[in-house]
């Protein structure tokens, strides 16, 4: 009796192991088949090509921006390939030119204007160059970056057009509106000369709204005549106004005279106060 039970157990164990073995083999082959299908799909699928992205000049990494600006200055001053070799990647070529009169353009100022990321460590950086003869040139410089952070110019640059201003509407100041026009004009006539001449924000405290802080120019400019015309942006008559105060001003250091227009944010409480000078530091 015990022998029959033992034989039955051995038979069951044998069938179980056989069944588990078959299940295991099926599972393994299923996994292999899945991997093969996925691999074949990856090979046959069309490559995903990312479109170039365009960013402002400040978005370029510091090393690339610095190299592009230095290269633009050097290239416009002297496009001799021997002078440009330190900027170039291995194998890059920049054709030489012969500047008229034997000298290149003298760059007064150069700064980043735009960054076009192409992917794969490549980018085109556009440098805005103000020349001493009054012209402005926008030089597009191709840049390559390595994974280690090294950057180099990958080819010859090219001159591109500057940013367009088409479709941008200019400001249209309007005459001061409402019965507060005279009070606003009187505040502007007091504030602007004080703002130009004062050496401390405390000197403006009577004219400023409570809590406002404006850093004056400390004599950097002198008004010529009265404060000039006073107008407002927008047509409202509320207790908050943005006014434009324009006039002629002289730089006492150089004697140069400028036509300037200051934008003042005003607020009315018991009387009119200056809340801020747009663009001014506080």
C-alpha atoms as a PDB file:
ATOM      1  CA  UNK A   1       0.000   0.000   0.000  1.00  0.00           C
ATOM      2  CA  UNK A   2       2.719   2.443   0.975  1.00  0.00           C
ATOM      3  CA  UNK A   3       4.586   1.533  -2.206  1.00  0.00           C
ATOM      4  CA  UNK A   4       1.582   2.478  -4.365  1.00  0.00           C
ATOM      5  CA  UNK A   5       1.273   5.858  -2.583  1.00  0.00           C
ATOM      6  CA  UNK A   6       4.983   6.519  -3.074  1.00  0.00           C
ATOM      7  CA  UNK A   7       4.754   5.645  -6.770  1.00  0.00           C
ATOM      8  CA  UNK A   8       1.785   8.011  -7.195  1.00  0.00           C
ATOM      9  CA  UNK A   9       3.669  10.850  -5.494  1.00  0.00           C
ATOM     10  CA  UNK A  10       6.707  10.321  -7.732  1.00  0.00           C
ATOM     11  CA  UNK A  11       4.430  10.322 -10.783  1.00  0.00           C
ATOM     12  CA  UNK A  12       2.746  13.568  -9.690  1.00  0.00           C
ATOM     13  CA  UNK A  13       6.115  15.228  -8.990  1.00  0.00           C
ATOM     14  CA  UNK A  14       7.407  14.181 -12.400  1.00  0.00           C
ATOM     15  CA  UNK A  15       4.347  15.598 -14.170  1.00  0.00           C
ATOM     16  CA  UNK A  16       4.572  18.829 -12.139  1.00  0.00           C
ATOM     17  CA  UNK A  17       8.238  19.335 -12.981  1.00  0.00           C
ATOM     18  CA  UNK A  18       7.524  18.620 -16.635  1.00  0.00           C
ATOM     19  CA  UNK A  19       4.659  21.110 -16.674  1.00  0.00           C
ATOM     20  CA  UNK A  20       6.722  23.789 -14.912  1.00  0.00           C
ATOM     21  CA  UNK A  21       9.570  23.233 -17.347  1.00  0.00           C
ATOM     22  CA  UNK A  22       7.264  23.712 -20.331  1.00  0.00           C
ATOM     23  CA  UNK A  23       5.747  26.866 -18.783  1.00  0.00           C
ATOM     24  CA  UNK A  24       9.224  28.225 -18.085  1.00  0.00           C
ATOM     25  CA  UNK A  25      10.372  27.612 -21.646  1.00  0.00           C
ATOM     26  CA  UNK A  26       7.237  29.277 -23.054  1.00  0.00           C
ATOM     27  CA  UNK A  27       7.772  32.292 -20.815  1.00  0.00           C
ATOM     28  CA  UNK A  28      11.408  32.652 -21.849  1.00  0.00           C
ATOM     29  CA  UNK A  29      10.561  32.428 -25.556  1.00  0.00           C
ATOM     30  CA  UNK A  30       7.749  34.975 -25.107  1.00  0.00           C
ATOM     31  CA  UNK A  31      10.171  37.429 -23.514  1.00  0.00           C
ATOM     32  CA  UNK A  32      12.712  36.894 -26.293  1.00  0.00           C
ATOM     33  CA  UNK A  33      10.034  37.438 -28.928  1.00  0.00           C
ATOM     34  CA  UNK A  34       8.896  40.662 -27.252  1.00  0.00           C
ATOM     35  CA  UNK A  35      12.454  41.996 -27.143  1.00  0.00           C
ATOM     36  CA  UNK A  36      12.969  41.151 -30.805  1.00  0.00           C
ATOM     37  CA  UNK A  37       9.741  42.912 -31.822  1.00  0.00           C
ATOM     38  CA  UNK A  38      10.593  46.026 -29.826  1.00  0.00           C
ATOM     39  CA  UNK A  39      14.115  46.123 -31.192  1.00  0.00           C
ATOM     40  CA  UNK A  40      12.874  45.751 -34.768  1.00  0.00           C
ATOM     41  CA  UNK A  41      10.314  48.515 -34.189  1.00  0.00           C
ATOM     42  CA  UNK A  42      12.999  50.868 -32.909  1.00  0.00           C
ATOM     43  CA  UNK A  43      15.109  50.205 -36.009  1.00  0.00           C
ATOM     44  CA  UNK A  44      12.230  50.665 -38.450  1.00  0.00           C
ATOM     45  CA  UNK A  45      10.687  53.704 -36.718  1.00  0.00           C
ATOM     46  CA  UNK A  46      11.515  57.077 -38.322  1.00  0.00           C
ATOM     47  CA  UNK A  47      14.142  59.106 -36.484  1.00  0.00           C
ATOM     48  CA  UNK A  48      12.779  61.855 -34.295  1.00  0.00           C
ATOM     49  CA  UNK A  49      14.348  65.158 -35.319  1.00  0.00           C
ATOM     50  CA  UNK A  50      13.858  67.989 -32.886  1.00  0.00           C
ATOM     51  CA  UNK A  51      13.272  71.429 -34.351  1.00  0.00           C
ATOM     52  CA  UNK A  52      15.797  74.152 -33.595  1.00  0.00           C
ATOM     53  CA  UNK A  53      14.840  76.330 -30.654  1.00  0.00           C
ATOM     54  CA  UNK A  54      15.345  80.059 -30.521  1.00  0.00           C
ATOM     55  CA  UNK A  55      16.155  81.865 -27.290  1.00  0.00           C
ATOM     56  CA  UNK A  56      17.241  85.302 -26.161  1.00  0.00           C
ATOM     57  CA  UNK A  57      20.896  86.153 -25.956  1.00  0.00           C
ATOM     58  CA  UNK A  58      20.915  85.828 -22.193  1.00  0.00           C
ATOM     59  CA  UNK A  59      19.931  82.153 -22.485  1.00  0.00           C
ATOM     60  CA  UNK A  60      23.266  81.117 -24.012  1.00  0.00           C
ATOM     61  CA  UNK A  61      25.710  79.491 -21.617  1.00  0.00           C
ATOM     62  CA  UNK A  62      28.425  81.843 -20.438  1.00  0.00           C
ATOM     63  CA  UNK A  63      31.330  80.092 -22.155  1.00  0.00           C
ATOM     64  CA  UNK A  64      29.593  80.029 -25.555  1.00  0.00           C
ATOM     65  CA  UNK A  65      28.447  83.639 -25.287  1.00  0.00           C
ATOM     66  CA  UNK A  66      31.902  84.852 -24.284  1.00  0.00           C
ATOM     67  CA  UNK A  67      33.565  82.971 -27.143  1.00  0.00           C
ATOM     68  CA  UNK A  68      31.054  84.258 -29.711  1.00  0.00           C
ATOM     69  CA  UNK A  69      31.495  87.884 -28.629  1.00  0.00           C
ATOM     70  CA  UNK A  70      35.309  87.663 -28.605  1.00  0.00           C
ATOM     71  CA  UNK A  71      35.319  85.943 -31.991  1.00  0.00           C
ATOM     72  CA  UNK A  72      32.980  88.574 -33.492  1.00  0.00           C
ATOM     73  CA  UNK A  73      35.249  91.374 -32.310  1.00  0.00           C
ATOM     74  CA  UNK A  74      38.350  89.642 -33.662  1.00  0.00           C
ATOM     75  CA  UNK A  75      36.732  88.678 -36.975  1.00  0.00           C
ATOM     76  CA  UNK A  76      35.456  92.183 -37.766  1.00  0.00           C
ATOM     77  CA  UNK A  77      38.787  93.732 -36.800  1.00  0.00           C
ATOM     78  CA  UNK A  78      40.942  91.273 -38.793  1.00  0.00           C
ATOM     79  CA  UNK A  79      39.578  88.240 -40.661  1.00  0.00           C
ATOM     80  CA  UNK A  80      43.037  86.763 -41.269  1.00  0.00           C
ATOM     81  CA  UNK A  81      42.622  82.991 -40.587  1.00  0.00           C
ATOM     82  CA  UNK A  82      45.881  82.976 -38.649  1.00  0.00           C
ATOM     83  CA  UNK A  83      44.457  85.470 -36.160  1.00  0.00           C
ATOM     84  CA  UNK A  84      41.252  83.453 -35.757  1.00  0.00           C
ATOM     85  CA  UNK A  85      42.818  80.003 -35.277  1.00  0.00           C
ATOM     86  CA  UNK A  86      42.644  80.107 -31.434  1.00  0.00           C
ATOM     87  CA  UNK A  87      38.834  80.350 -31.656  1.00  0.00           C
ATOM     88  CA  UNK A  88      38.298  77.507 -34.145  1.00  0.00           C
ATOM     89  CA  UNK A  89      37.408  73.852 -33.644  1.00  0.00           C
ATOM     90  CA  UNK A  90      39.699  71.198 -35.137  1.00  0.00           C
ATOM     91  CA  UNK A  91      39.215  71.105 -38.898  1.00  0.00           C
ATOM     92  CA  UNK A  92      37.168  74.334 -39.041  1.00  0.00           C
ATOM     93  CA  UNK A  93      38.012  76.755 -41.821  1.00  0.00           C
ATOM     94  CA  UNK A  94      37.377  80.499 -42.032  1.00  0.00           C
ATOM     95  CA  UNK A  95      38.199  82.195 -45.312  1.00  0.00           C
ATOM     96  CA  UNK A  96      40.317  85.305 -45.068  1.00  0.00           C
ATOM     97  CA  UNK A  97      39.498  88.731 -46.413  1.00  0.00           C
ATOM     98  CA  UNK A  98      41.403  91.895 -47.192  1.00  0.00           C
ATOM     99  CA  UNK A  99      39.796  94.875 -45.450  1.00  0.00           C
ATOM    100  CA  UNK A 100      39.564  98.059 -47.491  1.00  0.00           C
ATOM    101  CA  UNK A 101      42.276 100.480 -46.398  1.00  0.00           C
ATOM    102  CA  UNK A 102      44.175  97.704 -44.684  1.00  0.00           C
ATOM    103  CA  UNK A 103      42.162  97.702 -41.459  1.00  0.00           C
ATOM    104  CA  UNK A 104      38.934  96.088 -40.362  1.00  0.00           C
ATOM    105  CA  UNK A 105      35.904  97.458 -38.584  1.00  0.00           C
ATOM    106  CA  UNK A 106      36.483  98.809 -35.098  1.00  0.00           C
ATOM    107  CA  UNK A 107      33.899  97.417 -32.705  1.00  0.00           C
ATOM    108  CA  UNK A 108      32.828  99.816 -29.964  1.00  0.00           C
ATOM    109  CA  UNK A 109      30.508  97.345 -28.235  1.00  0.00           C
ATOM    110  CA  UNK A 110      29.401  93.751 -28.798  1.00  0.00           C
ATOM    111  CA  UNK A 111      26.765  91.714 -26.977  1.00  0.00           C
ATOM    112  CA  UNK A 112      24.640  88.615 -27.431  1.00  0.00           C
ATOM    113  CA  UNK A 113      21.408  89.168 -29.381  1.00  0.00           C
ATOM    114  CA  UNK A 114      19.997  85.649 -29.900  1.00  0.00           C
ATOM    115  CA  UNK A 115      20.751  81.944 -29.541  1.00  0.00           C
ATOM    116  CA  UNK A 116      19.525  79.285 -31.984  1.00  0.00           C
ATOM    117  CA  UNK A 117      19.987  75.812 -30.489  1.00  0.00           C
ATOM    118  CA  UNK A 118      20.423  73.160 -33.207  1.00  0.00           C
ATOM    119  CA  UNK A 119      20.887  70.104 -30.975  1.00  0.00           C
ATOM    120  CA  UNK A 120      23.835  67.779 -30.583  1.00  0.00           C
ATOM    121  CA  UNK A 121      25.916  70.459 -28.864  1.00  0.00           C
ATOM    122  CA  UNK A 122      25.618  72.812 -31.841  1.00  0.00           C
ATOM    123  CA  UNK A 123      24.189  76.335 -31.825  1.00  0.00           C
ATOM    124  CA  UNK A 124      24.259  79.580 -33.793  1.00  0.00           C
ATOM    125  CA  UNK A 125      24.874  82.624 -31.599  1.00  0.00           C
ATOM    126  CA  UNK A 126      24.056  86.040 -33.038  1.00  0.00           C
ATOM    127  CA  UNK A 127      26.217  88.890 -31.766  1.00  0.00           C
ATOM    128  CA  UNK A 128      25.119  92.531 -32.077  1.00  0.00           C
ATOM    129  CA  UNK A 129      28.141  94.699 -32.865  1.00  0.00           C
ATOM    130  CA  UNK A 130      28.052  98.496 -32.647  1.00  0.00           C
ATOM    131  CA  UNK A 131      30.876  99.902 -34.774  1.00  0.00           C
ATOM    132  CA  UNK A 132      32.708 103.137 -34.101  1.00  0.00           C
ATOM    133  CA  UNK A 133      31.630 104.519 -37.480  1.00  0.00           C
ATOM    134  CA  UNK A 134      27.998 104.450 -36.295  1.00  0.00           C
ATOM    135  CA  UNK A 135      26.890 101.259 -38.043  1.00  0.00           C
ATOM    136  CA  UNK A 136      25.494  98.137 -36.397  1.00  0.00           C
ATOM    137  CA  UNK A 137      26.205  94.618 -37.643  1.00  0.00           C
ATOM    138  CA  UNK A 138      24.640  91.340 -36.490  1.00  0.00           C
ATOM    139  CA  UNK A 139      27.127  88.497 -36.879  1.00  0.00           C
ATOM    140  CA  UNK A 140      25.883  84.885 -36.674  1.00  0.00           C
ATOM    141  CA  UNK A 141      28.587  82.609 -35.224  1.00  0.00           C
ATOM    142  CA  UNK A 142      28.310  78.775 -35.374  1.00  0.00           C
ATOM    143  CA  UNK A 143      29.366  77.172 -32.093  1.00  0.00           C
ATOM    144  CA  UNK A 144      30.075  73.563 -31.104  1.00  0.00           C
ATOM    145  CA  UNK A 145      30.165  72.339 -27.504  1.00  0.00           C
ATOM    146  CA  UNK A 146      31.700  69.148 -26.147  1.00  0.00           C
ATOM    147  CA  UNK A 147      30.296  67.120 -23.269  1.00  0.00           C
ATOM    148  CA  UNK A 148      33.254  68.274 -21.206  1.00  0.00           C
ATOM    149  CA  UNK A 149      32.098  71.876 -21.579  1.00  0.00           C
ATOM    150  CA  UNK A 150      34.639  72.952 -24.200  1.00  0.00           C
ATOM    151  CA  UNK A 151      33.393  75.368 -26.877  1.00  0.00           C
ATOM    152  CA  UNK A 152      34.791  76.406 -30.257  1.00  0.00           C
ATOM    153  CA  UNK A 153      33.723  78.149 -33.437  1.00  0.00           C
ATOM    154  CA  UNK A 154      32.811  75.455 -35.948  1.00  0.00           C
ATOM    155  CA  UNK A 155      32.882  77.463 -39.179  1.00  0.00           C
ATOM    156  CA  UNK A 156      32.757  80.833 -40.899  1.00  0.00           C
ATOM    157  CA  UNK A 157      30.286  83.426 -39.559  1.00  0.00           C
ATOM    158  CA  UNK A 158      27.734  85.360 -41.590  1.00  0.00           C
ATOM    159  CA  UNK A 159      26.032  88.746 -41.318  1.00  0.00           C
ATOM    160  CA  UNK A 160      22.270  88.696 -40.710  1.00  0.00           C
ATOM    161  CA  UNK A 161      19.572  91.348 -40.481  1.00  0.00           C
ATOM    162  CA  UNK A 162      18.823  92.977 -37.159  1.00  0.00           C
ATOM    163  CA  UNK A 163      15.511  92.587 -35.334  1.00  0.00           C
ATOM    164  CA  UNK A 164      12.505  94.110 -37.063  1.00  0.00           C
ATOM    165  CA  UNK A 165      10.342  96.744 -35.402  1.00  0.00           C
ATOM    166  CA  UNK A 166       7.495  96.374 -37.894  1.00  0.00           C
ATOM    167  CA  UNK A 167       4.092  96.262 -36.256  1.00  0.00           C
ATOM    168  CA  UNK A 168       5.258  97.838 -32.986  1.00  0.00           C
ATOM    169  CA  UNK A 169       3.129 100.819 -32.057  1.00  0.00           C
ATOM    170  CA  UNK A 170       4.796 103.773 -30.380  1.00  0.00           C
ATOM    171  CA  UNK A 171       3.562 105.556 -27.283  1.00  0.00           C
ATOM    172  CA  UNK A 172       0.940 108.235 -27.816  1.00  0.00           C
ATOM    173  CA  UNK A 173       0.945 110.625 -24.874  1.00  0.00           C
ATOM    174  CA  UNK A 174      -2.264 112.613 -24.395  1.00  0.00           C
ATOM    175  CA  UNK A 175      -2.935 115.981 -22.775  1.00  0.00           C
ATOM    176  CA  UNK A 176      -3.457 115.856 -19.019  1.00  0.00           C
ATOM    177  CA  UNK A 177      -7.104 115.090 -18.370  1.00  0.00           C
ATOM    178  CA  UNK A 178      -9.520 116.409 -15.755  1.00  0.00           C
ATOM    179  CA  UNK A 179      -9.485 119.092 -13.127  1.00  0.00           C
ATOM    180  CA  UNK A 180      -6.241 117.740 -11.606  1.00  0.00           C
ATOM    181  CA  UNK A 181      -4.182 118.707 -14.663  1.00  0.00           C
ATOM    182  CA  UNK A 182      -2.724 121.855 -13.074  1.00  0.00           C
ATOM    183  CA  UNK A 183      -1.813 120.036  -9.831  1.00  0.00           C
ATOM    184  CA  UNK A 184      -0.068 117.271 -11.772  1.00  0.00           C
ATOM    185  CA  UNK A 185       1.817 119.796 -13.883  1.00  0.00           C
ATOM    186  CA  UNK A 186       2.945 121.654 -10.732  1.00  0.00           C
ATOM    187  CA  UNK A 187       4.177 118.390  -9.135  1.00  0.00           C
ATOM    188  CA  UNK A 188       6.188 117.522 -12.240  1.00  0.00           C
ATOM    189  CA  UNK A 189       7.746 120.994 -12.299  1.00  0.00           C
ATOM    190  CA  UNK A 190       8.952 120.538  -8.698  1.00  0.00           C
ATOM    191  CA  UNK A 191       9.929 116.884  -8.824  1.00  0.00           C
ATOM    192  CA  UNK A 192      12.086 116.642 -11.954  1.00  0.00           C
ATOM    193  CA  UNK A 193      14.679 119.328 -11.031  1.00  0.00           C
ATOM    194  CA  UNK A 194      14.866 117.883  -7.511  1.00  0.00           C
ATOM    195  CA  UNK A 195      15.275 114.348  -8.888  1.00  0.00           C
ATOM    196  CA  UNK A 196      18.150 115.473 -11.127  1.00  0.00           C
ATOM    197  CA  UNK A 197      20.003 117.468  -8.463  1.00  0.00           C
ATOM    198  CA  UNK A 198      19.336 115.672  -5.158  1.00  0.00           C
ATOM    199  CA  UNK A 199      22.074 113.547  -3.655  1.00  0.00           C
ATOM    200  CA  UNK A 200      19.862 111.434  -1.389  1.00  0.00           C
ATOM    201  CA  UNK A 201      16.409 109.883  -1.566  1.00  0.00           C
ATOM    202  CA  UNK A 202      15.583 111.737   1.665  1.00  0.00           C
ATOM    203  CA  UNK A 203      15.745 115.009  -0.276  1.00  0.00           C
ATOM    204  CA  UNK A 204      12.727 113.853  -2.300  1.00  0.00           C
ATOM    205  CA  UNK A 205      10.632 112.597   0.598  1.00  0.00           C
ATOM    206  CA  UNK A 206       8.119 115.473   0.524  1.00  0.00           C
ATOM    207  CA  UNK A 207       7.306 114.756  -3.136  1.00  0.00           C
ATOM    208  CA  UNK A 208       7.193 110.951  -2.851  1.00  0.00           C
ATOM    209  CA  UNK A 209       4.220 108.823  -1.857  1.00  0.00           C
ATOM    210  CA  UNK A 210       4.484 107.252   1.633  1.00  0.00           C
ATOM    211  CA  UNK A 211       6.624 104.132   1.382  1.00  0.00           C
ATOM    212  CA  UNK A 212       8.071 105.056  -2.037  1.00  0.00           C
ATOM    213  CA  UNK A 213      11.824 105.234  -2.548  1.00  0.00           C
ATOM    214  CA  UNK A 214      13.520 106.751  -5.589  1.00  0.00           C
ATOM    215  CA  UNK A 215      17.290 107.096  -6.049  1.00  0.00           C
ATOM    216  CA  UNK A 216      18.058 110.582  -7.494  1.00  0.00           C
ATOM    217  CA  UNK A 217      20.729 111.405 -10.077  1.00  0.00           C
ATOM    218  CA  UNK A 218      22.873 113.589  -7.820  1.00  0.00           C
ATOM    219  CA  UNK A 219      23.639 116.274 -10.410  1.00  0.00           C
ATOM    220  CA  UNK A 220      24.373 113.959 -13.346  1.00  0.00           C
ATOM    221  CA  UNK A 221      22.113 116.131 -15.539  1.00  0.00           C
ATOM    222  CA  UNK A 222      20.915 119.735 -15.515  1.00  0.00           C
ATOM    223  CA  UNK A 223      17.525 120.836 -16.882  1.00  0.00           C
ATOM    224  CA  UNK A 224      17.613 123.551 -19.530  1.00  0.00           C
ATOM    225  CA  UNK A 225      14.695 125.851 -18.827  1.00  0.00           C
ATOM    226  CA  UNK A 226      11.483 124.613 -17.242  1.00  0.00           C
ATOM    227  CA  UNK A 227      10.406 120.987 -16.896  1.00  0.00           C
ATOM    228  CA  UNK A 228       9.034 121.074 -20.434  1.00  0.00           C
ATOM    229  CA  UNK A 229       5.811 119.505 -21.604  1.00  0.00           C
ATOM    230  CA  UNK A 230       3.781 117.214 -19.330  1.00  0.00           C
ATOM    231  CA  UNK A 231       1.392 114.662 -20.826  1.00  0.00           C
ATOM    232  CA  UNK A 232      -0.154 111.385 -19.756  1.00  0.00           C
ATOM    233  CA  UNK A 233      -0.279 107.831 -21.081  1.00  0.00           C
ATOM    234  CA  UNK A 234      -3.875 106.684 -21.382  1.00  0.00           C
ATOM    235  CA  UNK A 235      -7.004 108.792 -21.148  1.00  0.00           C
ATOM    236  CA  UNK A 236      -8.116 108.119 -17.571  1.00  0.00           C
ATOM    237  CA  UNK A 237      -8.859 110.699 -14.872  1.00  0.00           C
ATOM    238  CA  UNK A 238      -8.391 108.416 -11.871  1.00  0.00           C
ATOM    239  CA  UNK A 239      -6.160 108.730  -8.818  1.00  0.00           C
ATOM    240  CA  UNK A 240      -3.290 106.926 -10.526  1.00  0.00           C
ATOM    241  CA  UNK A 241      -1.581 108.334 -13.606  1.00  0.00           C
ATOM    242  CA  UNK A 242       1.500 107.679 -15.705  1.00  0.00           C
ATOM    243  CA  UNK A 243       2.785 111.009 -16.967  1.00  0.00           C
ATOM    244  CA  UNK A 244       5.561 111.826 -19.434  1.00  0.00           C
ATOM    245  CA  UNK A 245       7.717 114.856 -18.645  1.00  0.00           C
ATOM    246  CA  UNK A 246       9.912 115.837 -21.582  1.00  0.00           C
ATOM    247  CA  UNK A 247      12.534 118.523 -21.944  1.00  0.00           C
ATOM    248  CA  UNK A 248      16.142 119.371 -22.783  1.00  0.00           C
ATOM    249  CA  UNK A 249      18.909 118.367 -20.367  1.00  0.00           C
ATOM    250  CA  UNK A 250      22.659 118.949 -20.282  1.00  0.00           C
ATOM    251  CA  UNK A 251      25.447 116.684 -19.077  1.00  0.00           C
ATOM    252  CA  UNK A 252      27.658 119.056 -17.026  1.00  0.00           C
ATOM    253  CA  UNK A 253      30.703 116.819 -17.486  1.00  0.00           C
ATOM    254  CA  UNK A 254      30.690 116.842 -21.282  1.00  0.00           C
ATOM    255  CA  UNK A 255      28.377 119.731 -22.133  1.00  0.00           C
ATOM    256  CA  UNK A 256      26.252 117.432 -24.318  1.00  0.00           C
ATOM    257  CA  UNK A 257      22.550 118.293 -24.519  1.00  0.00           C
ATOM    258  CA  UNK A 258      19.873 115.574 -24.704  1.00  0.00           C
ATOM    259  CA  UNK A 259      16.161 115.603 -25.370  1.00  0.00           C
ATOM    260  CA  UNK A 260      14.727 113.220 -22.743  1.00  0.00           C
ATOM    261  CA  UNK A 261      11.285 112.110 -21.592  1.00  0.00           C
ATOM    262  CA  UNK A 262      10.815 110.847 -18.008  1.00  0.00           C
ATOM    263  CA  UNK A 263       7.887 108.596 -17.127  1.00  0.00           C
ATOM    264  CA  UNK A 264       6.533 109.176 -13.643  1.00  0.00           C
ATOM    265  CA  UNK A 265       4.019 107.008 -11.809  1.00  0.00           C
ATOM    266  CA  UNK A 266       1.746 109.296  -9.768  1.00  0.00           C
ATOM    267  CA  UNK A 267      -0.823 108.602  -7.084  1.00  0.00           C
ATOM    268  CA  UNK A 268      -3.342 110.938  -5.450  1.00  0.00           C
ATOM    269  CA  UNK A 269      -4.099 110.806  -1.741  1.00  0.00           C
ATOM    270  CA  UNK A 270      -4.584 114.070   0.076  1.00  0.00           C
ATOM    271  CA  UNK A 271      -2.577 115.504  -2.845  1.00  0.00           C
ATOM    272  CA  UNK A 272      -0.578 114.162  -5.777  1.00  0.00           C
ATOM    273  CA  UNK A 273       2.661 112.268  -5.104  1.00  0.00           C
ATOM    274  CA  UNK A 274       5.316 110.550  -7.215  1.00  0.00           C
ATOM    275  CA  UNK A 275       5.189 106.798  -6.640  1.00  0.00           C
ATOM    276  CA  UNK A 276       8.135 105.872  -8.887  1.00  0.00           C
ATOM    277  CA  UNK A 277      10.265 106.839 -11.863  1.00  0.00           C
ATOM    278  CA  UNK A 278       9.813 104.126 -14.487  1.00  0.00           C
ATOM    279  CA  UNK A 279      13.159 102.403 -14.990  1.00  0.00           C
ATOM    280  CA  UNK A 280      14.701 104.169 -12.012  1.00  0.00           C
ATOM    281  CA  UNK A 281      16.456 102.366  -9.185  1.00  0.00           C
ATOM    282  CA  UNK A 282      14.959 102.513  -5.729  1.00  0.00           C
END
